[in-house]
Amino acid sequence: MPGRFRYAPVCLEVFMVEFTRLNGSIILINPFQIEYVELIPESKIIMMNGHFHIVREDEDEIIRRITQYRRAICERADLEV
């Protein structure tokens, strides 16, 4: 489902954010590993390890998804306390 976050298939305790590569394939990214985003005019997400992903989503959509992700983490933490 585009625009949503998901549980990572590797570990059910880790959320990932879904983005769309230019070729239409889906990629799940851990937002805590994003170092910065370049607008070139596509969105280039540069990871902390130096790797990058070019995605279809624009700046506003990337920020919205990461904000939604962080909000869900906070809500989940509140439920577990």
C-alpha atoms as a PDB file:
ATOM      1  CA  MET A   1       0.000   0.000   0.000  1.00  0.00           C
ATOM      2  CA  PRO A   2       1.758   3.177  -1.135  1.00  0.00           C
ATOM      3  CA  GLY A   3       2.312   5.885   1.414  1.00  0.00           C
ATOM      4  CA  ARG A   4       2.187   3.617   4.414  1.00  0.00           C
ATOM      5  CA  PHE A   5       4.736   2.168   6.736  1.00  0.00           C
ATOM      6  CA  ARG A   6       5.054  -1.548   7.306  1.00  0.00           C
ATOM      7  CA  TYR A   7       6.646  -4.043   9.572  1.00  0.00           C
ATOM      8  CA  ALA A   8       9.988  -5.061   8.136  1.00  0.00           C
ATOM      9  CA  PRO A   9       9.975  -8.693   7.016  1.00  0.00           C
ATOM     10  CA  VAL A  10      13.207  -9.349   8.932  1.00  0.00           C
ATOM     11  CA  CYS A  11      12.080  -8.187  12.362  1.00  0.00           C
ATOM     12  CA  LEU A  12       8.482  -7.656  13.359  1.00  0.00           C
ATOM     13  CA  GLU A  13       9.500  -5.021  15.909  1.00  0.00           C
ATOM     14  CA  VAL A  14      10.921  -2.595  13.332  1.00  0.00           C
ATOM     15  CA  PHE A  15       8.772  -0.312  11.204  1.00  0.00           C
ATOM     16  CA  MET A  16       9.919   0.693   7.748  1.00  0.00           C
ATOM     17  CA  VAL A  17       8.632   3.430   5.459  1.00  0.00           C
ATOM     18  CA  GLU A  18       7.528   2.509   1.957  1.00  0.00           C
ATOM     19  CA  PHE A  19       8.785   4.472  -1.056  1.00  0.00           C
ATOM     20  CA  THR A  20       8.600   3.891  -4.817  1.00  0.00           C
ATOM     21  CA  ARG A  21      11.687   3.641  -7.001  1.00  0.00           C
ATOM     22  CA  LEU A  22      11.611   5.286 -10.431  1.00  0.00           C
ATOM     23  CA  ASN A  23      11.031   1.879 -12.047  1.00  0.00           C
ATOM     24  CA  GLY A  24       7.874   1.410  -9.943  1.00  0.00           C
ATOM     25  CA  SER A  25       9.268  -1.155  -7.511  1.00  0.00           C
ATOM     26  CA  ILE A  26       8.668  -0.690  -3.803  1.00  0.00           C
ATOM     27  CA  ILE A  27      11.501  -0.142  -1.334  1.00  0.00           C
ATOM     28  CA  LEU A  28      11.217  -0.172   2.451  1.00  0.00           C
ATOM     29  CA  ILE A  29      13.561   2.249   4.226  1.00  0.00           C
ATOM     30  CA  ASN A  30      14.390   2.671   7.894  1.00  0.00           C
ATOM     31  CA  PRO A  31      13.986   6.450   8.394  1.00  0.00           C
ATOM     32  CA  PHE A  32      16.468   6.460  11.275  1.00  0.00           C
ATOM     33  CA  GLN A  33      19.149   5.561   8.714  1.00  0.00           C
ATOM     34  CA  ILE A  34      18.411   8.507   6.380  1.00  0.00           C
ATOM     35  CA  GLU A  35      21.170  11.109   6.488  1.00  0.00           C
ATOM     36  CA  TYR A  36      19.596  13.628   4.089  1.00  0.00           C
ATOM     37  CA  VAL A  37      17.482  14.024   0.951  1.00  0.00           C
ATOM     38  CA  GLU A  38      18.615  15.767  -2.254  1.00  0.00           C
ATOM     39  CA  LEU A  39      16.097  17.129  -4.766  1.00  0.00           C
ATOM     40  CA  ILE A  40      17.750  16.700  -8.180  1.00  0.00           C
ATOM     41  CA  PRO A  41      14.741  17.118  -9.373  1.00  0.00           C
ATOM     42  CA  GLU A  42      13.875  13.561  -8.292  1.00  0.00           C
ATOM     43  CA  SER A  43      14.190  12.770  -4.610  1.00  0.00           C
ATOM     44  CA  LYS A  44      17.504  11.131  -3.752  1.00  0.00           C
ATOM     45  CA  ILE A  45      17.495   9.615  -0.257  1.00  0.00           C
ATOM     46  CA  ILE A  46      21.054   9.321   1.024  1.00  0.00           C
ATOM     47  CA  MET A  47      21.556   6.792   3.786  1.00  0.00           C
ATOM     48  CA  MET A  48      24.027   7.003   6.670  1.00  0.00           C
ATOM     49  CA  ASN A  49      26.159   4.263   5.073  1.00  0.00           C
ATOM     50  CA  GLY A  50      26.600   6.365   1.899  1.00  0.00           C
ATOM     51  CA  HIS A  51      24.191   4.355  -0.260  1.00  0.00           C
ATOM     52  CA  PHE A  52      21.308   6.192  -1.871  1.00  0.00           C
ATOM     53  CA  HIS A  53      17.874   5.529  -3.339  1.00  0.00           C
ATOM     54  CA  ILE A  54      16.129   7.635  -5.964  1.00  0.00           C
ATOM     55  CA  VAL A  55      12.388   7.630  -5.386  1.00  0.00           C
ATOM     56  CA  ARG A  56       9.264   9.049  -7.024  1.00  0.00           C
ATOM     57  CA  GLU A  57       7.904  10.739  -3.913  1.00  0.00           C
ATOM     58  CA  ASP A  58       8.454  14.479  -3.601  1.00  0.00           C
ATOM     59  CA  GLU A  59       9.843  16.376  -0.626  1.00  0.00           C
ATOM     60  CA  ASP A  60       6.451  16.941   1.021  1.00  0.00           C
ATOM     61  CA  GLU A  61       5.447  13.289   0.710  1.00  0.00           C
ATOM     62  CA  ILE A  62       8.758  12.060   2.146  1.00  0.00           C
ATOM     63  CA  ILE A  63       8.372  14.370   5.141  1.00  0.00           C
ATOM     64  CA  ARG A  64       4.727  13.324   5.602  1.00  0.00           C
ATOM     65  CA  ARG A  65       5.596   9.622   5.615  1.00  0.00           C
ATOM     66  CA  ILE A  66       8.496  10.019   8.035  1.00  0.00           C
ATOM     67  CA  THR A  67       6.333  12.150  10.342  1.00  0.00           C
ATOM     68  CA  GLN A  68       3.595   9.500  10.203  1.00  0.00           C
ATOM     69  CA  TYR A  69       6.195   6.827  10.996  1.00  0.00           C
ATOM     70  CA  ARG A  70       7.550   8.703  14.010  1.00  0.00           C
ATOM     71  CA  ARG A  71       4.040   9.400  15.282  1.00  0.00           C
ATOM     72  CA  ALA A  72       3.224   5.680  15.089  1.00  0.00           C
ATOM     73  CA  ILE A  73       6.405   4.816  17.018  1.00  0.00           C
ATOM     74  CA  CYS A  74       5.447   7.286  19.779  1.00  0.00           C
ATOM     75  CA  GLU A  75       1.895   5.939  19.929  1.00  0.00           C
ATOM     76  CA  ARG A  76       3.190   2.386  20.153  1.00  0.00           C
ATOM     77  CA  ALA A  77       5.599   3.353  22.937  1.00  0.00           C
ATOM     78  CA  ASP A  78       2.711   4.918  24.861  1.00  0.00           C
ATOM     79  CA  LEU A  79       0.705   1.697  24.542  1.00  0.00           C
ATOM     80  CA  GLU A  80       3.581  -0.468  25.799  1.00  0.00           C
ATOM     81  CA  VAL A  81       4.304   1.583  28.921  1.00  0.00           C
END
